[in-house]
Amino acid sequence: MTDPWPWLTLAGLGAFHGLNPAMGWLFAVALGLHRQDRRLVWLSLLPIALGHALSVAAMAMVFVSAGVMVPPRAVRIAAGLALISWAFYHWRYGARHRVRVGMRTGMAGLVLWSFLMATGHGAGLMLWPVLMPLCFPDGAPAPGAAGPIVTALIGVGVHTLSMLVVTGLIAVTVYAWLGLSILRSAWINLDLMWTVALAAAGGWLLLAG
């Protein structure tokens, strides 16, 4: 718990998710522009962050539960294989299975959209290589679930807060000054970077296991 690097990594992953237009800020900007209301840009941020947090928390709880019942080494190998498989799926089919939500959606619909987007990108899977040494520092099943669950939820909170801050900064900046034309002239392929990161994290888990 005292080592700052896992927490900084969780925050960095949150910042990366916040930077990716597919994870939220593009929808917030588009909704604000569609309804000509700056307040909607701000209001959209909370359901976007909530949906993202629910997705990564659900996946974290699955792995924490598994780590309590079976040796964490087995969970590490399973998570590594899952990350590599998800990277292949994301590379091969991700663009075909985008979640579509109209501009008339409400806040509840935005939570669902964000949840599905985070799940589809494997955001929760990617947190596990960082959460595992925090939740199971001794590399053995914990005697109870309370400690690992609390640690995982704190990690999800750090990750989501970082994602929310970056999403908000970019959404407001694009809405107020830059405009969506920046996506045509100055944006990079974050989906490709994410696919490579998923595969690399999976490979690291397998080699470390």
N, C-alpha and C. Protein backbone atom coordinates (compact mmCIF):
# COMPACT_ATOMS: atom_id res chain seq x y z
N MET A 1 0.82 -1.21 0.00
CA MET A 1 0.00 0.00 0.00
C MET A 1 0.85 1.26 0.00
N THR A 2 2.12 1.17 0.48
CA THR A 2 2.96 2.36 0.58
C THR A 2 3.74 2.63 -0.70
N ASP A 3 3.84 1.66 -1.59
CA ASP A 3 4.56 1.86 -2.85
C ASP A 3 3.70 2.75 -3.76
N PRO A 4 4.23 3.91 -4.18
CA PRO A 4 3.39 4.82 -4.97
C PRO A 4 3.18 4.40 -6.41
N TRP A 5 4.05 3.52 -6.95
CA TRP A 5 4.00 3.25 -8.38
C TRP A 5 2.71 2.57 -8.84
N PRO A 6 2.19 1.58 -8.12
CA PRO A 6 0.91 1.02 -8.57
C PRO A 6 -0.22 2.05 -8.60
N TRP A 7 -0.23 2.94 -7.63
CA TRP A 7 -1.28 3.96 -7.60
C TRP A 7 -1.09 4.96 -8.74
N LEU A 8 0.16 5.31 -9.02
CA LEU A 8 0.42 6.21 -10.15
C LEU A 8 0.06 5.53 -11.47
N THR A 9 0.29 4.22 -11.55
CA THR A 9 -0.07 3.50 -12.76
C THR A 9 -1.58 3.47 -12.94
N LEU A 10 -2.32 3.24 -11.85
CA LEU A 10 -3.79 3.26 -11.93
C LEU A 10 -4.27 4.63 -12.39
N ALA A 11 -3.66 5.70 -11.86
CA ALA A 11 -4.04 7.05 -12.28
C ALA A 11 -3.66 7.28 -13.74
N GLY A 12 -2.50 6.75 -14.16
CA GLY A 12 -2.09 6.91 -15.55
C GLY A 12 -3.03 6.21 -16.52
N LEU A 13 -3.47 5.01 -16.15
CA LEU A 13 -4.45 4.31 -16.98
C LEU A 13 -5.76 5.08 -17.04
N GLY A 14 -6.15 5.67 -15.92
CA GLY A 14 -7.35 6.51 -15.93
C GLY A 14 -7.20 7.71 -16.85
N ALA A 15 -6.01 8.33 -16.81
CA ALA A 15 -5.76 9.47 -17.69
C ALA A 15 -5.80 9.05 -19.16
N PHE A 16 -5.26 7.87 -19.45
CA PHE A 16 -5.30 7.37 -20.83
C PHE A 16 -6.74 7.15 -21.29
N HIS A 17 -7.56 6.56 -20.41
CA HIS A 17 -8.97 6.38 -20.75
C HIS A 17 -9.67 7.72 -20.95
N GLY A 18 -9.32 8.69 -20.11
CA GLY A 18 -9.91 10.01 -20.28
C GLY A 18 -9.50 10.68 -21.57
N LEU A 19 -8.29 10.38 -22.03
CA LEU A 19 -7.79 10.96 -23.27
C LEU A 19 -8.47 10.38 -24.50
N ASN A 20 -8.89 9.13 -24.41
CA ASN A 20 -9.48 8.44 -25.55
C ASN A 20 -10.89 8.98 -25.83
N PRO A 21 -11.14 9.54 -27.02
CA PRO A 21 -12.48 10.07 -27.30
C PRO A 21 -13.57 9.00 -27.24
N ALA A 22 -13.21 7.75 -27.53
CA ALA A 22 -14.21 6.69 -27.51
C ALA A 22 -14.70 6.36 -26.11
N MET A 23 -13.99 6.82 -25.08
CA MET A 23 -14.35 6.50 -23.71
C MET A 23 -15.20 7.57 -23.03
N GLY A 24 -15.51 8.68 -23.72
CA GLY A 24 -16.41 9.60 -23.06
C GLY A 24 -16.44 11.05 -23.49
N TRP A 25 -15.26 11.68 -23.64
CA TRP A 25 -15.30 13.13 -23.83
C TRP A 25 -15.92 13.51 -25.17
N LEU A 26 -15.75 12.68 -26.19
CA LEU A 26 -16.35 12.99 -27.49
C LEU A 26 -17.87 13.03 -27.39
N PHE A 27 -18.45 12.10 -26.62
CA PHE A 27 -19.90 12.09 -26.46
C PHE A 27 -20.35 13.32 -25.68
N ALA A 28 -19.62 13.71 -24.64
CA ALA A 28 -19.98 14.88 -23.85
C ALA A 28 -19.97 16.14 -24.73
N VAL A 29 -18.93 16.28 -25.56
CA VAL A 29 -18.84 17.44 -26.44
C VAL A 29 -19.96 17.42 -27.48
N ALA A 30 -20.18 16.25 -28.09
CA ALA A 30 -21.22 16.15 -29.12
C ALA A 30 -22.60 16.45 -28.54
N LEU A 31 -22.86 15.98 -27.34
CA LEU A 31 -24.15 16.24 -26.70
C LEU A 31 -24.33 17.72 -26.42
N GLY A 32 -23.26 18.36 -25.93
CA GLY A 32 -23.33 19.80 -25.68
C GLY A 32 -23.54 20.61 -26.94
N LEU A 33 -22.83 20.22 -28.02
CA LEU A 33 -22.98 20.93 -29.29
C LEU A 33 -24.37 20.70 -29.89
N HIS A 34 -24.87 19.48 -29.77
CA HIS A 34 -26.18 19.16 -30.34
C HIS A 34 -27.29 19.98 -29.70
N ARG A 35 -27.19 20.16 -28.37
CA ARG A 35 -28.24 20.88 -27.65
C ARG A 35 -27.86 22.32 -27.34
N GLN A 36 -26.68 22.71 -27.81
CA GLN A 36 -26.22 24.10 -27.63
C GLN A 36 -26.27 24.51 -26.17
N ASP A 37 -25.71 23.67 -25.31
CA ASP A 37 -25.77 23.92 -23.87
C ASP A 37 -24.47 23.44 -23.24
N ARG A 38 -23.64 24.39 -22.77
CA ARG A 38 -22.36 24.03 -22.14
C ARG A 38 -22.56 23.20 -20.88
N ARG A 39 -23.68 23.42 -20.19
CA ARG A 39 -23.92 22.68 -18.95
C ARG A 39 -23.99 21.18 -19.19
N LEU A 40 -24.48 20.78 -20.34
CA LEU A 40 -24.59 19.36 -20.64
C LEU A 40 -23.22 18.69 -20.76
N VAL A 41 -22.21 19.47 -21.18
CA VAL A 41 -20.86 18.92 -21.23
C VAL A 41 -20.43 18.53 -19.82
N TRP A 42 -20.67 19.43 -18.85
CA TRP A 42 -20.31 19.14 -17.46
C TRP A 42 -21.18 18.03 -16.88
N LEU A 43 -22.48 18.10 -17.12
CA LEU A 43 -23.39 17.10 -16.55
C LEU A 43 -23.12 15.70 -17.09
N SER A 44 -22.65 15.61 -18.32
CA SER A 44 -22.39 14.30 -18.92
C SER A 44 -21.22 13.59 -18.26
N LEU A 45 -20.33 14.34 -17.63
CA LEU A 45 -19.12 13.74 -17.09
C LEU A 45 -19.41 12.75 -15.98
N LEU A 46 -20.38 13.06 -15.11
CA LEU A 46 -20.66 12.18 -13.97
C LEU A 46 -21.21 10.82 -14.40
N PRO A 47 -22.24 10.76 -15.26
CA PRO A 47 -22.68 9.43 -15.70
C PRO A 47 -21.63 8.68 -16.50
N ILE A 48 -20.81 9.39 -17.25
CA ILE A 48 -19.72 8.73 -17.98
C ILE A 48 -18.74 8.09 -17.00
N ALA A 49 -18.36 8.84 -15.95
CA ALA A 49 -17.44 8.30 -14.95
C ALA A 49 -18.09 7.17 -14.16
N LEU A 50 -19.37 7.31 -13.85
CA LEU A 50 -20.07 6.27 -13.09
C LEU A 50 -20.13 4.96 -13.87
N GLY A 51 -20.51 5.03 -15.14
CA GLY A 51 -20.56 3.82 -15.96
C GLY A 51 -19.20 3.16 -16.07
N HIS A 52 -18.16 3.97 -16.24
CA HIS A 52 -16.79 3.44 -16.33
C HIS A 52 -16.40 2.76 -15.02
N ALA A 53 -16.70 3.42 -13.90
CA ALA A 53 -16.34 2.86 -12.59
C ALA A 53 -17.06 1.55 -12.33
N LEU A 54 -18.34 1.48 -12.68
CA LEU A 54 -19.09 0.24 -12.48
C LEU A 54 -18.49 -0.91 -13.28
N SER A 55 -18.05 -0.62 -14.50
CA SER A 55 -17.48 -1.66 -15.35
C SER A 55 -16.17 -2.19 -14.77
N VAL A 56 -15.25 -1.28 -14.44
CA VAL A 56 -13.95 -1.74 -13.95
C VAL A 56 -14.08 -2.35 -12.55
N ALA A 57 -15.01 -1.85 -11.74
CA ALA A 57 -15.21 -2.41 -10.40
C ALA A 57 -15.76 -3.83 -10.49
N ALA A 58 -16.68 -4.06 -11.41
CA ALA A 58 -17.25 -5.40 -11.58
C ALA A 58 -16.16 -6.40 -11.95
N MET A 59 -15.29 -6.01 -12.88
CA MET A 59 -14.21 -6.92 -13.28
C MET A 59 -13.22 -7.13 -12.15
N ALA A 60 -12.92 -6.06 -11.40
CA ALA A 60 -12.00 -6.17 -10.28
C ALA A 60 -12.54 -7.13 -9.23
N MET A 61 -13.83 -7.07 -8.96
CA MET A 61 -14.44 -7.95 -7.96
C MET A 61 -14.39 -9.41 -8.41
N VAL A 62 -14.52 -9.64 -9.71
CA VAL A 62 -14.42 -11.02 -10.22
C VAL A 62 -13.03 -11.59 -9.91
N PHE A 63 -11.99 -10.80 -10.18
CA PHE A 63 -10.64 -11.29 -9.97
C PHE A 63 -10.28 -11.37 -8.49
N VAL A 64 -10.77 -10.43 -7.69
CA VAL A 64 -10.52 -10.49 -6.24
C VAL A 64 -11.16 -11.75 -5.67
N SER A 65 -12.39 -12.03 -6.06
CA SER A 65 -13.07 -13.23 -5.58
C SER A 65 -12.31 -14.49 -5.98
N ALA A 66 -11.82 -14.50 -7.22
CA ALA A 66 -11.04 -15.65 -7.67
C ALA A 66 -9.74 -15.77 -6.88
N GLY A 67 -9.10 -14.63 -6.61
CA GLY A 67 -7.84 -14.64 -5.88
C GLY A 67 -7.99 -15.07 -4.44
N VAL A 68 -9.16 -14.87 -3.86
CA VAL A 68 -9.41 -15.31 -2.49
C VAL A 68 -9.58 -16.83 -2.43
N MET A 69 -10.16 -17.40 -3.48
CA MET A 69 -10.50 -18.83 -3.46
C MET A 69 -9.42 -19.73 -4.04
N VAL A 70 -8.62 -19.20 -4.98
CA VAL A 70 -7.60 -20.04 -5.63
C VAL A 70 -6.27 -19.30 -5.58
N PRO A 71 -5.15 -20.00 -5.81
CA PRO A 71 -3.85 -19.32 -5.78
C PRO A 71 -3.80 -18.15 -6.77
N PRO A 72 -3.33 -16.98 -6.31
CA PRO A 72 -3.25 -15.83 -7.22
C PRO A 72 -2.42 -16.10 -8.48
N ARG A 73 -1.47 -17.06 -8.41
CA ARG A 73 -0.69 -17.37 -9.61
C ARG A 73 -1.59 -17.88 -10.73
N ALA A 74 -2.58 -18.71 -10.36
CA ALA A 74 -3.52 -19.21 -11.35
C ALA A 74 -4.37 -18.08 -11.91
N VAL A 75 -4.75 -17.15 -11.04
CA VAL A 75 -5.53 -16.00 -11.48
C VAL A 75 -4.68 -15.14 -12.42
N ARG A 76 -3.39 -14.99 -12.10
CA ARG A 76 -2.49 -14.21 -12.94
C ARG A 76 -2.42 -14.79 -14.34
N ILE A 77 -2.28 -16.10 -14.44
CA ILE A 77 -2.19 -16.75 -15.75
C ILE A 77 -3.49 -16.60 -16.52
N ALA A 78 -4.62 -16.80 -15.81
CA ALA A 78 -5.92 -16.65 -16.46
C ALA A 78 -6.13 -15.23 -16.95
N ALA A 79 -5.73 -14.25 -16.13
CA ALA A 79 -5.87 -12.85 -16.53
C ALA A 79 -4.97 -12.53 -17.72
N GLY A 80 -3.75 -13.09 -17.73
CA GLY A 80 -2.86 -12.86 -18.87
C GLY A 80 -3.43 -13.39 -20.16
N LEU A 81 -3.98 -14.59 -20.11
CA LEU A 81 -4.61 -15.16 -21.31
C LEU A 81 -5.82 -14.35 -21.74
N ALA A 82 -6.60 -13.89 -20.74
CA ALA A 82 -7.79 -13.08 -21.06
C ALA A 82 -7.39 -11.76 -21.72
N LEU A 83 -6.33 -11.13 -21.24
CA LEU A 83 -5.88 -9.86 -21.82
C LEU A 83 -5.41 -10.05 -23.26
N ILE A 84 -4.64 -11.08 -23.50
CA ILE A 84 -4.16 -11.33 -24.87
C ILE A 84 -5.33 -11.66 -25.79
N SER A 85 -6.27 -12.46 -25.31
CA SER A 85 -7.45 -12.80 -26.12
C SER A 85 -8.27 -11.55 -26.41
N TRP A 86 -8.42 -10.70 -25.40
CA TRP A 86 -9.21 -9.48 -25.60
C TRP A 86 -8.51 -8.52 -26.54
N ALA A 87 -7.18 -8.48 -26.49
CA ALA A 87 -6.43 -7.64 -27.42
C ALA A 87 -6.68 -8.09 -28.86
N PHE A 88 -6.66 -9.41 -29.08
CA PHE A 88 -6.92 -9.93 -30.43
C PHE A 88 -8.34 -9.59 -30.87
N TYR A 89 -9.31 -9.79 -29.95
CA TYR A 89 -10.70 -9.47 -30.29
C TYR A 89 -10.85 -7.98 -30.61
N HIS A 90 -10.24 -7.13 -29.78
CA HIS A 90 -10.35 -5.69 -29.98
C HIS A 90 -9.73 -5.27 -31.31
N TRP A 91 -8.60 -5.89 -31.66
CA TRP A 91 -7.94 -5.57 -32.93
C TRP A 91 -8.76 -6.07 -34.12
N ARG A 92 -9.34 -7.26 -33.97
CA ARG A 92 -10.01 -7.90 -35.11
C ARG A 92 -11.44 -7.43 -35.28
N TYR A 93 -12.17 -7.26 -34.17
CA TYR A 93 -13.61 -7.03 -34.28
C TYR A 93 -14.11 -5.77 -33.56
N GLY A 94 -13.23 -5.10 -32.82
CA GLY A 94 -13.69 -3.98 -31.99
C GLY A 94 -14.40 -2.89 -32.76
N ALA A 95 -13.89 -2.56 -33.94
CA ALA A 95 -14.50 -1.47 -34.71
C ALA A 95 -15.90 -1.82 -35.21
N ARG A 96 -16.20 -3.11 -35.30
CA ARG A 96 -17.52 -3.53 -35.80
C ARG A 96 -18.59 -3.51 -34.73
N HIS A 97 -18.17 -3.47 -33.47
CA HIS A 97 -19.11 -3.61 -32.37
C HIS A 97 -19.16 -2.36 -31.50
N ARG A 98 -19.08 -1.20 -32.12
CA ARG A 98 -19.19 0.04 -31.38
C ARG A 98 -20.59 0.18 -30.79
N VAL A 99 -20.65 0.76 -29.59
CA VAL A 99 -21.94 1.01 -28.96
C VAL A 99 -22.50 2.30 -29.51
N ARG A 100 -23.72 2.26 -30.01
CA ARG A 100 -24.35 3.45 -30.61
C ARG A 100 -25.40 4.00 -29.67
N VAL A 101 -25.30 5.28 -29.36
CA VAL A 101 -26.30 5.95 -28.52
C VAL A 101 -26.65 7.27 -29.17
N GLY A 102 -27.93 7.57 -29.31
CA GLY A 102 -28.34 8.81 -29.93
C GLY A 102 -28.16 10.02 -29.03
N MET A 103 -28.24 11.19 -29.61
CA MET A 103 -28.06 12.42 -28.86
C MET A 103 -29.24 12.75 -27.95
N ARG A 104 -30.31 11.96 -28.03
CA ARG A 104 -31.47 12.21 -27.18
C ARG A 104 -31.43 11.38 -25.89
N THR A 105 -30.37 10.67 -25.69
CA THR A 105 -30.29 9.82 -24.51
C THR A 105 -30.27 10.65 -23.23
N GLY A 106 -30.77 10.06 -22.14
CA GLY A 106 -30.72 10.72 -20.85
C GLY A 106 -29.48 10.30 -20.08
N MET A 107 -29.42 10.72 -18.80
CA MET A 107 -28.26 10.41 -18.00
C MET A 107 -28.14 8.91 -17.73
N ALA A 108 -29.28 8.23 -17.53
CA ALA A 108 -29.24 6.79 -17.29
C ALA A 108 -28.70 6.06 -18.53
N GLY A 109 -29.12 6.49 -19.71
CA GLY A 109 -28.60 5.90 -20.93
C GLY A 109 -27.12 6.14 -21.09
N LEU A 110 -26.65 7.28 -20.61
CA LEU A 110 -25.23 7.60 -20.70
C LEU A 110 -24.41 6.71 -19.77
N VAL A 111 -24.95 6.40 -18.59
CA VAL A 111 -24.28 5.47 -17.68
C VAL A 111 -24.13 4.10 -18.36
N LEU A 112 -25.23 3.62 -18.96
CA LEU A 112 -25.20 2.32 -19.64
C LEU A 112 -24.22 2.33 -20.79
N TRP A 113 -24.22 3.40 -21.58
CA TRP A 113 -23.29 3.51 -22.71
C TRP A 113 -21.85 3.47 -22.22
N SER A 114 -21.53 4.22 -21.17
CA SER A 114 -20.16 4.26 -20.66
C SER A 114 -19.75 2.90 -20.11
N PHE A 115 -20.68 2.24 -19.43
CA PHE A 115 -20.42 0.90 -18.89
C PHE A 115 -20.07 -0.07 -20.02
N LEU A 116 -20.86 -0.05 -21.09
CA LEU A 116 -20.63 -0.97 -22.21
C LEU A 116 -19.33 -0.63 -22.95
N MET A 117 -19.03 0.65 -23.09
CA MET A 117 -17.80 1.04 -23.77
C MET A 117 -16.58 0.59 -22.98
N ALA A 118 -16.59 0.83 -21.66
CA ALA A 118 -15.45 0.41 -20.83
C ALA A 118 -15.30 -1.10 -20.85
N THR A 119 -16.42 -1.81 -20.80
CA THR A 119 -16.38 -3.27 -20.83
C THR A 119 -15.85 -3.76 -22.17
N GLY A 120 -16.33 -3.15 -23.25
CA GLY A 120 -15.89 -3.55 -24.58
C GLY A 120 -14.41 -3.29 -24.83
N HIS A 121 -13.85 -2.26 -24.18
CA HIS A 121 -12.43 -1.95 -24.34
C HIS A 121 -11.56 -2.79 -23.41
N GLY A 122 -12.17 -3.56 -22.51
CA GLY A 122 -11.37 -4.34 -21.57
C GLY A 122 -10.70 -3.49 -20.51
N ALA A 123 -11.34 -2.37 -20.13
CA ALA A 123 -10.73 -1.46 -19.16
C ALA A 123 -10.50 -2.14 -17.82
N GLY A 124 -11.48 -2.94 -17.35
CA GLY A 124 -11.33 -3.63 -16.08
C GLY A 124 -10.24 -4.68 -16.12
N LEU A 125 -10.13 -5.39 -17.24
CA LEU A 125 -9.07 -6.38 -17.40
C LEU A 125 -7.69 -5.74 -17.26
N MET A 126 -7.54 -4.56 -17.83
CA MET A 126 -6.24 -3.91 -17.84
C MET A 126 -5.81 -3.47 -16.44
N LEU A 127 -6.77 -3.25 -15.54
CA LEU A 127 -6.40 -2.83 -14.19
C LEU A 127 -5.83 -3.97 -13.36
N TRP A 128 -6.16 -5.21 -13.73
CA TRP A 128 -5.79 -6.31 -12.86
C TRP A 128 -4.28 -6.50 -12.69
N PRO A 129 -3.44 -6.33 -13.73
CA PRO A 129 -2.00 -6.46 -13.48
C PRO A 129 -1.49 -5.49 -12.42
N VAL A 130 -2.16 -4.35 -12.25
CA VAL A 130 -1.75 -3.38 -11.25
C VAL A 130 -2.40 -3.67 -9.90
N LEU A 131 -3.66 -4.09 -9.92
CA LEU A 131 -4.37 -4.35 -8.67
C LEU A 131 -3.89 -5.62 -7.98
N MET A 132 -3.43 -6.59 -8.75
CA MET A 132 -3.08 -7.89 -8.17
C MET A 132 -2.00 -7.78 -7.10
N PRO A 133 -0.87 -7.11 -7.36
CA PRO A 133 0.13 -7.01 -6.29
C PRO A 133 -0.33 -6.15 -5.11
N LEU A 134 -1.29 -5.28 -5.34
CA LEU A 134 -1.83 -4.49 -4.23
C LEU A 134 -2.78 -5.32 -3.37
N CYS A 135 -3.61 -6.13 -4.04
CA CYS A 135 -4.60 -6.92 -3.31
C CYS A 135 -4.01 -8.17 -2.70
N PHE A 136 -3.01 -8.74 -3.36
CA PHE A 136 -2.39 -9.99 -2.88
C PHE A 136 -0.86 -9.82 -2.88
N PRO A 137 -0.35 -8.98 -1.99
CA PRO A 137 1.10 -8.67 -2.03
C PRO A 137 1.99 -9.86 -1.73
N ASP A 138 1.49 -10.86 -1.02
CA ASP A 138 2.31 -12.01 -0.67
C ASP A 138 2.23 -13.13 -1.70
N GLY A 139 1.41 -12.93 -2.73
CA GLY A 139 1.29 -13.94 -3.76
C GLY A 139 0.57 -15.19 -3.32
N ALA A 140 -0.29 -15.06 -2.31
CA ALA A 140 -1.03 -16.21 -1.79
C ALA A 140 -2.48 -15.79 -1.57
N PRO A 141 -3.41 -16.75 -1.57
CA PRO A 141 -4.81 -16.40 -1.31
C PRO A 141 -4.97 -15.70 0.03
N ALA A 142 -5.76 -14.66 0.05
CA ALA A 142 -5.99 -13.92 1.29
C ALA A 142 -6.92 -14.72 2.21
N PRO A 143 -6.73 -14.61 3.54
CA PRO A 143 -7.61 -15.33 4.45
C PRO A 143 -9.05 -14.86 4.43
N GLY A 144 -9.28 -13.66 3.96
CA GLY A 144 -10.63 -13.12 3.86
C GLY A 144 -10.70 -12.15 2.71
N ALA A 145 -11.91 -11.83 2.28
CA ALA A 145 -12.06 -10.99 1.09
C ALA A 145 -12.07 -9.50 1.41
N ALA A 146 -12.27 -9.14 2.68
CA ALA A 146 -12.48 -7.74 3.02
C ALA A 146 -11.30 -6.86 2.62
N GLY A 147 -10.08 -7.26 2.99
CA GLY A 147 -8.91 -6.44 2.68
C GLY A 147 -8.70 -6.25 1.19
N PRO A 148 -8.63 -7.33 0.39
CA PRO A 148 -8.46 -7.17 -1.06
C PRO A 148 -9.58 -6.38 -1.72
N ILE A 149 -10.82 -6.56 -1.26
CA ILE A 149 -11.94 -5.83 -1.86
C ILE A 149 -11.80 -4.34 -1.61
N VAL A 150 -11.47 -3.97 -0.37
CA VAL A 150 -11.30 -2.54 -0.06
C VAL A 150 -10.17 -1.94 -0.89
N THR A 151 -9.06 -2.66 -0.98
CA THR A 151 -7.93 -2.17 -1.77
C THR A 151 -8.31 -2.01 -3.23
N ALA A 152 -9.02 -3.00 -3.77
CA ALA A 152 -9.45 -2.92 -5.18
C ALA A 152 -10.38 -1.74 -5.41
N LEU A 153 -11.30 -1.50 -4.49
CA LEU A 153 -12.24 -0.40 -4.66
C LEU A 153 -11.53 0.95 -4.57
N ILE A 154 -10.53 1.05 -3.69
CA ILE A 154 -9.74 2.28 -3.63
C ILE A 154 -9.01 2.49 -4.95
N GLY A 155 -8.44 1.40 -5.48
CA GLY A 155 -7.76 1.50 -6.77
C GLY A 155 -8.69 1.92 -7.89
N VAL A 156 -9.90 1.38 -7.90
CA VAL A 156 -10.90 1.77 -8.90
C VAL A 156 -11.24 3.25 -8.73
N GLY A 157 -11.33 3.71 -7.48
CA GLY A 157 -11.62 5.12 -7.24
C GLY A 157 -10.53 6.04 -7.75
N VAL A 158 -9.26 5.67 -7.51
CA VAL A 158 -8.13 6.47 -8.02
C VAL A 158 -8.16 6.51 -9.55
N HIS A 159 -8.37 5.37 -10.15
CA HIS A 159 -8.43 5.27 -11.60
C HIS A 159 -9.57 6.13 -12.17
N THR A 160 -10.76 6.03 -11.57
CA THR A 160 -11.92 6.76 -12.09
C THR A 160 -11.77 8.26 -11.90
N LEU A 161 -11.20 8.67 -10.77
CA LEU A 161 -11.01 10.11 -10.54
C LEU A 161 -10.07 10.70 -11.58
N SER A 162 -8.99 10.00 -11.87
CA SER A 162 -8.06 10.46 -12.89
C SER A 162 -8.74 10.53 -14.25
N MET A 163 -9.52 9.50 -14.58
CA MET A 163 -10.26 9.49 -15.84
C MET A 163 -11.23 10.65 -15.92
N LEU A 164 -11.93 10.93 -14.83
CA LEU A 164 -12.91 12.02 -14.80
C LEU A 164 -12.25 13.38 -15.01
N VAL A 165 -11.12 13.60 -14.35
CA VAL A 165 -10.42 14.89 -14.48
C VAL A 165 -9.96 15.11 -15.92
N VAL A 166 -9.32 14.10 -16.51
CA VAL A 166 -8.81 14.25 -17.88
C VAL A 166 -9.96 14.38 -18.88
N THR A 167 -11.00 13.56 -18.71
CA THR A 167 -12.16 13.65 -19.59
C THR A 167 -12.77 15.04 -19.54
N GLY A 168 -12.92 15.58 -18.32
CA GLY A 168 -13.50 16.91 -18.17
C GLY A 168 -12.65 18.00 -18.80
N LEU A 169 -11.35 17.96 -18.59
CA LEU A 169 -10.46 18.97 -19.15
C LEU A 169 -10.51 18.97 -20.68
N ILE A 170 -10.45 17.77 -21.26
CA ILE A 170 -10.46 17.69 -22.73
C ILE A 170 -11.83 18.09 -23.28
N ALA A 171 -12.91 17.61 -22.65
CA ALA A 171 -14.25 17.93 -23.15
C ALA A 171 -14.50 19.43 -23.16
N VAL A 172 -14.16 20.09 -22.07
CA VAL A 172 -14.38 21.54 -21.99
C VAL A 172 -13.48 22.28 -22.97
N THR A 173 -12.22 21.85 -23.09
CA THR A 173 -11.28 22.51 -24.01
C THR A 173 -11.74 22.37 -25.45
N VAL A 174 -12.15 21.17 -25.84
CA VAL A 174 -12.60 20.95 -27.21
C VAL A 174 -13.90 21.70 -27.47
N TYR A 175 -14.82 21.67 -26.53
CA TYR A 175 -16.10 22.35 -26.71
C TYR A 175 -15.92 23.87 -26.82
N ALA A 176 -15.09 24.44 -25.96
CA ALA A 176 -14.99 25.90 -25.88
C ALA A 176 -14.02 26.50 -26.89
N TRP A 177 -12.94 25.77 -27.25
CA TRP A 177 -11.89 26.41 -28.04
C TRP A 177 -11.48 25.62 -29.29
N LEU A 178 -11.25 24.34 -29.17
CA LEU A 178 -10.62 23.61 -30.28
C LEU A 178 -11.61 23.14 -31.33
N GLY A 179 -12.76 22.64 -30.91
CA GLY A 179 -13.72 22.09 -31.86
C GLY A 179 -13.36 20.66 -32.24
N LEU A 180 -14.32 19.94 -32.79
CA LEU A 180 -14.12 18.53 -33.13
C LEU A 180 -13.20 18.32 -34.33
N SER A 181 -12.86 19.40 -35.03
CA SER A 181 -11.96 19.25 -36.17
C SER A 181 -10.58 18.74 -35.76
N ILE A 182 -10.25 18.85 -34.46
CA ILE A 182 -8.95 18.36 -33.98
C ILE A 182 -8.80 16.87 -34.23
N LEU A 183 -9.92 16.14 -34.28
CA LEU A 183 -9.87 14.69 -34.51
C LEU A 183 -9.39 14.36 -35.91
N ARG A 184 -9.56 15.29 -36.84
CA ARG A 184 -9.13 15.05 -38.22
C ARG A 184 -7.69 15.46 -38.47
N SER A 185 -7.15 16.32 -37.61
CA SER A 185 -5.84 16.89 -37.92
C SER A 185 -4.75 16.55 -36.91
N ALA A 186 -5.10 16.29 -35.66
CA ALA A 186 -4.05 16.19 -34.65
C ALA A 186 -4.22 15.01 -33.71
N TRP A 187 -5.11 14.07 -34.03
CA TRP A 187 -5.34 12.98 -33.09
C TRP A 187 -4.58 11.73 -33.52
N ILE A 188 -4.22 10.91 -32.55
CA ILE A 188 -3.49 9.68 -32.85
C ILE A 188 -4.42 8.48 -32.63
N ASN A 189 -3.98 7.32 -33.11
CA ASN A 189 -4.79 6.11 -33.03
C ASN A 189 -4.66 5.51 -31.63
N LEU A 190 -5.49 5.97 -30.71
CA LEU A 190 -5.44 5.48 -29.34
C LEU A 190 -5.95 4.06 -29.22
N ASP A 191 -6.86 3.67 -30.11
CA ASP A 191 -7.36 2.30 -30.08
C ASP A 191 -6.23 1.30 -30.36
N LEU A 192 -5.36 1.63 -31.32
CA LEU A 192 -4.23 0.76 -31.62
C LEU A 192 -3.27 0.69 -30.43
N MET A 193 -3.01 1.84 -29.81
CA MET A 193 -2.16 1.86 -28.63
C MET A 193 -2.74 1.01 -27.52
N TRP A 194 -4.06 1.06 -27.35
CA TRP A 194 -4.73 0.31 -26.31
C TRP A 194 -4.64 -1.19 -26.59
N THR A 195 -4.80 -1.58 -27.84
CA THR A 195 -4.69 -2.98 -28.21
C THR A 195 -3.30 -3.53 -27.90
N VAL A 196 -2.29 -2.76 -28.24
CA VAL A 196 -0.90 -3.17 -27.96
C VAL A 196 -0.68 -3.26 -26.45
N ALA A 197 -1.24 -2.30 -25.70
CA ALA A 197 -1.07 -2.30 -24.25
C ALA A 197 -1.74 -3.51 -23.63
N LEU A 198 -2.92 -3.89 -24.11
CA LEU A 198 -3.61 -5.08 -23.60
C LEU A 198 -2.76 -6.33 -23.81
N ALA A 199 -2.24 -6.49 -25.02
CA ALA A 199 -1.42 -7.66 -25.32
C ALA A 199 -0.13 -7.66 -24.49
N ALA A 200 0.49 -6.49 -24.33
CA ALA A 200 1.73 -6.41 -23.56
C ALA A 200 1.49 -6.74 -22.09
N ALA A 201 0.39 -6.24 -21.53
CA ALA A 201 0.06 -6.54 -20.14
C ALA A 201 -0.22 -8.02 -19.95
N GLY A 202 -0.92 -8.62 -20.90
CA GLY A 202 -1.17 -10.06 -20.83
C GLY A 202 0.11 -10.87 -20.89
N GLY A 203 1.01 -10.50 -21.79
CA GLY A 203 2.28 -11.19 -21.90
C GLY A 203 3.11 -11.06 -20.63
N TRP A 204 3.08 -9.87 -20.01
CA TRP A 204 3.80 -9.67 -18.76
C TRP A 204 3.27 -10.55 -17.65
N LEU A 205 1.94 -10.67 -17.56
CA LEU A 205 1.35 -11.53 -16.54
C LEU A 205 1.76 -12.99 -16.74
N LEU A 206 1.78 -13.44 -17.97
CA LEU A 206 2.15 -14.84 -18.24
C LEU A 206 3.62 -15.09 -17.90
N LEU A 207 4.50 -14.16 -18.26
CA LEU A 207 5.92 -14.33 -17.99
C LEU A 207 6.20 -14.23 -16.49
N ALA A 208 5.47 -13.34 -15.81
CA ALA A 208 5.66 -13.19 -14.37
C ALA A 208 5.08 -14.37 -13.59
N GLY A 209 4.08 -15.07 -14.21
CA GLY A 209 3.44 -16.18 -13.54
C GLY A 209 4.30 -17.42 -13.53
